[in-house]
């Protein structure tokens, strides 16, 4: 099925590891219709979905609108050369920043009417955890995307493939037991 059919400038990125789309335009405007379609795709497919506003991995600034389901595990990671910004659009999430040893440095509850925007500096391990059925957020960071070396996973973190352990890790974080 073709998604974003009312938006001919948005195409699916067939090379992405997850369900992803990108804008073919140099100037991209995200309106409520695009957000509604992003949400529809995520709910219908039961997957996390992203739209990249940049159209090349080589672009100097990467902006993504991301739909994530509750229960999503984003393995704690850092970027040695890049800072990153998260901006909540819909739903709630917890952004957790860790010390090098894996202890929680800061927990930021993000929601409309609360904390909307947070910038995480380079070399800070972090993760984002949806706390409502789903969350939509805008993520921004410098490019280019360096694939394997772009993110360094925390050595103390649970592997993404270890689903049960990852859910235990998330639950412990949300309950303040990590």
Protein backbone atom coordinates (compact mmCIF):
# COMPACT_ATOMS: atom_id res chain seq x y z
CA UNK A 1 0.00 0.00 0.00
CA UNK A 2 1.21 3.50 -0.80
CA UNK A 3 1.22 5.88 2.12
CA UNK A 4 1.30 9.68 1.94
CA UNK A 5 -0.48 9.55 -1.44
CA UNK A 6 -1.77 13.10 -0.93
CA UNK A 7 1.84 14.24 -0.50
CA UNK A 8 3.73 13.34 -3.67
CA UNK A 9 6.96 14.81 -2.30
CA UNK A 10 7.15 12.14 0.44
CA UNK A 11 8.60 8.79 -0.63
CA UNK A 12 9.37 5.61 1.25
CA UNK A 13 13.05 5.03 1.99
CA UNK A 14 13.51 1.43 0.85
CA UNK A 15 17.10 1.36 2.20
CA UNK A 16 16.15 2.18 5.80
CA UNK A 17 16.22 -0.43 8.56
CA UNK A 18 12.76 0.58 9.80
CA UNK A 19 9.63 1.96 8.15
CA UNK A 20 10.88 5.33 6.93
CA UNK A 21 9.94 8.04 4.51
CA UNK A 22 11.73 11.16 3.31
CA UNK A 23 10.92 14.46 1.68
CA UNK A 24 12.12 15.09 -1.86
CA UNK A 25 11.72 18.86 -1.43
CA UNK A 26 14.38 21.34 -0.45
CA UNK A 27 11.79 23.24 1.61
CA UNK A 28 9.54 20.85 3.53
CA UNK A 29 6.48 21.97 5.45
CA UNK A 30 4.89 19.54 7.90
CA UNK A 31 1.20 20.23 8.37
CA UNK A 32 -1.47 18.53 10.46
CA UNK A 33 -2.41 16.31 7.49
CA UNK A 34 1.10 14.86 7.31
CA UNK A 35 1.12 14.28 11.06
CA UNK A 36 -2.27 12.55 10.80
CA UNK A 37 -0.95 10.31 8.02
CA UNK A 38 2.19 9.52 10.05
CA UNK A 39 -0.01 8.49 12.98
CA UNK A 40 -2.34 6.47 10.72
CA UNK A 41 0.59 4.58 9.19
CA UNK A 42 2.10 3.84 12.61
CA UNK A 43 -1.17 2.64 14.09
CA UNK A 44 -2.22 0.66 11.01
CA UNK A 45 1.15 -1.05 10.50
CA UNK A 46 1.81 -1.48 14.23
CA UNK A 47 5.33 -0.22 13.64
CA UNK A 48 7.41 2.81 14.50
CA UNK A 49 7.60 5.22 11.56
CA UNK A 50 9.76 8.21 10.66
CA UNK A 51 9.72 10.93 8.06
CA UNK A 52 13.08 12.53 7.34
CA UNK A 53 12.76 16.16 6.33
CA UNK A 54 16.26 15.97 4.86
CA UNK A 55 16.56 13.98 1.65
CA UNK A 56 20.11 12.66 1.90
CA UNK A 57 22.18 10.95 4.61
CA UNK A 58 24.89 13.44 3.66
CA UNK A 59 22.84 16.54 4.57
CA UNK A 60 24.42 18.74 7.23
CA UNK A 61 21.23 18.86 9.34
CA UNK A 62 18.93 15.91 9.98
CA UNK A 63 15.33 16.52 11.05
CA UNK A 64 12.93 13.64 11.58
CA UNK A 65 9.30 13.38 12.62
CA UNK A 66 9.10 10.10 14.54
CA UNK A 67 6.10 8.03 15.61
CA UNK A 68 6.93 5.48 18.32
CA UNK A 69 4.67 2.97 20.05
CA UNK A 70 4.65 2.45 23.79
CA UNK A 71 6.98 -0.45 24.57
CA UNK A 72 9.61 0.74 22.10
CA UNK A 73 13.15 0.17 23.33
CA UNK A 74 15.69 2.65 22.04
CA UNK A 75 19.00 1.28 23.23
CA UNK A 76 20.90 3.89 25.28
CA UNK A 77 23.49 5.50 23.05
CA UNK A 78 25.59 8.60 22.56
CA UNK A 79 26.98 10.57 19.67
CA UNK A 80 30.60 11.58 20.18
CA UNK A 81 30.51 14.43 17.67
CA UNK A 82 26.86 15.53 17.76
CA UNK A 83 24.26 16.95 20.07
CA UNK A 84 20.61 16.07 19.55
CA UNK A 85 17.28 17.79 20.17
CA UNK A 86 13.93 16.19 20.97
CA UNK A 87 10.67 18.14 20.60
CA UNK A 88 7.37 16.53 21.66
CA UNK A 89 4.50 16.98 19.19
CA UNK A 90 1.91 14.53 20.58
CA UNK A 91 1.82 12.09 23.49
CA UNK A 92 4.24 11.73 26.38
CA UNK A 93 7.74 10.33 26.73
CA UNK A 94 10.57 10.17 29.22
CA UNK A 95 14.01 11.18 28.05
CA UNK A 96 16.68 9.63 30.26
CA UNK A 97 20.29 10.83 30.26
CA UNK A 98 22.87 8.55 31.87
CA UNK A 99 26.30 8.93 33.42
CA UNK A 100 29.11 6.91 31.84
CA UNK A 101 28.60 4.14 34.42
CA UNK A 102 24.90 3.75 33.55
CA UNK A 103 23.43 5.54 36.54
CA UNK A 104 20.65 8.00 35.73
CA UNK A 105 21.97 11.53 35.44
CA UNK A 106 18.65 13.14 34.55
CA UNK A 107 15.08 12.09 33.80
CA UNK A 108 13.02 14.52 31.72
CA UNK A 109 9.26 13.97 31.52
CA UNK A 110 8.24 15.35 28.14
CA UNK A 111 4.64 16.23 27.26
CA UNK A 112 2.53 19.02 25.82
CA UNK A 113 2.02 21.52 28.64
CA UNK A 114 5.19 20.34 30.38
CA UNK A 115 8.66 20.00 28.92
CA UNK A 116 8.35 20.28 25.13
CA UNK A 117 11.96 20.46 24.04
CA UNK A 118 15.25 19.07 25.28
CA UNK A 119 18.74 19.20 23.83
CA UNK A 120 21.16 16.42 24.76
CA UNK A 121 24.81 17.35 24.35
CA UNK A 122 27.36 15.20 22.60
CA UNK A 123 28.91 12.33 24.53
CA UNK A 124 25.83 11.86 26.74
CA UNK A 125 24.26 8.43 26.84
CA UNK A 126 20.49 8.75 26.47
CA UNK A 127 17.27 7.03 25.54
CA UNK A 128 13.67 8.06 24.94
CA UNK A 129 10.75 5.99 26.25
CA UNK A 130 7.13 6.55 25.12
CA UNK A 131 4.78 6.58 28.12
CA UNK A 132 1.47 6.95 26.27
CA UNK A 133 0.04 4.58 23.62
CA UNK A 134 2.32 6.35 21.16
CA UNK A 135 4.38 9.50 20.94
CA UNK A 136 5.23 11.74 18.02
CA UNK A 137 8.36 13.84 18.32
CA UNK A 138 10.72 15.87 16.19
CA UNK A 139 14.37 14.86 16.43
CA UNK A 140 17.11 17.08 15.12
CA UNK A 141 20.88 16.61 14.94
CA UNK A 142 23.82 17.45 12.71
CA UNK A 143 24.55 15.29 9.70
CA UNK A 144 25.87 13.47 7.91
CA UNK A 145 24.55 10.11 9.07
CA UNK A 146 27.55 7.85 9.61
CA UNK A 147 25.59 4.55 9.89
CA UNK A 148 27.64 2.22 12.15
CA UNK A 149 29.73 4.91 13.86
CA UNK A 150 26.95 7.49 14.27
CA UNK A 151 25.72 6.07 17.58
CA UNK A 152 27.81 4.38 20.24
CA UNK A 153 25.72 2.02 22.34
CA UNK A 154 26.23 2.03 26.08
CA UNK A 155 28.29 -1.04 27.05
CA UNK A 156 26.08 -1.56 30.13
CA UNK A 157 22.83 -1.44 28.13
CA UNK A 158 20.63 -4.33 27.04
CA UNK A 159 20.98 -5.47 23.42
CA UNK A 160 17.96 -4.51 21.27
CA UNK A 161 17.48 -8.19 20.35
CA UNK A 162 16.91 -9.12 24.02
CA UNK A 163 13.23 -8.08 24.03
CA UNK A 164 12.29 -9.36 27.50
CA UNK A 165 15.38 -7.90 29.18
CA UNK A 166 14.84 -4.62 27.30
CA UNK A 167 11.26 -4.36 28.62
CA UNK A 168 12.58 -5.03 32.15
CA UNK A 169 15.15 -2.27 31.68
CA UNK A 170 12.44 0.17 30.49
CA UNK A 171 10.14 -0.72 33.39
CA UNK A 172 12.95 -0.25 35.89
CA UNK A 173 13.75 3.17 34.37
CA UNK A 174 10.13 4.29 34.52
CA UNK A 175 9.77 3.12 38.11
CA UNK A 176 12.99 4.85 39.14
CA UNK A 177 14.74 1.58 39.98
CA UNK A 178 17.68 1.97 37.61
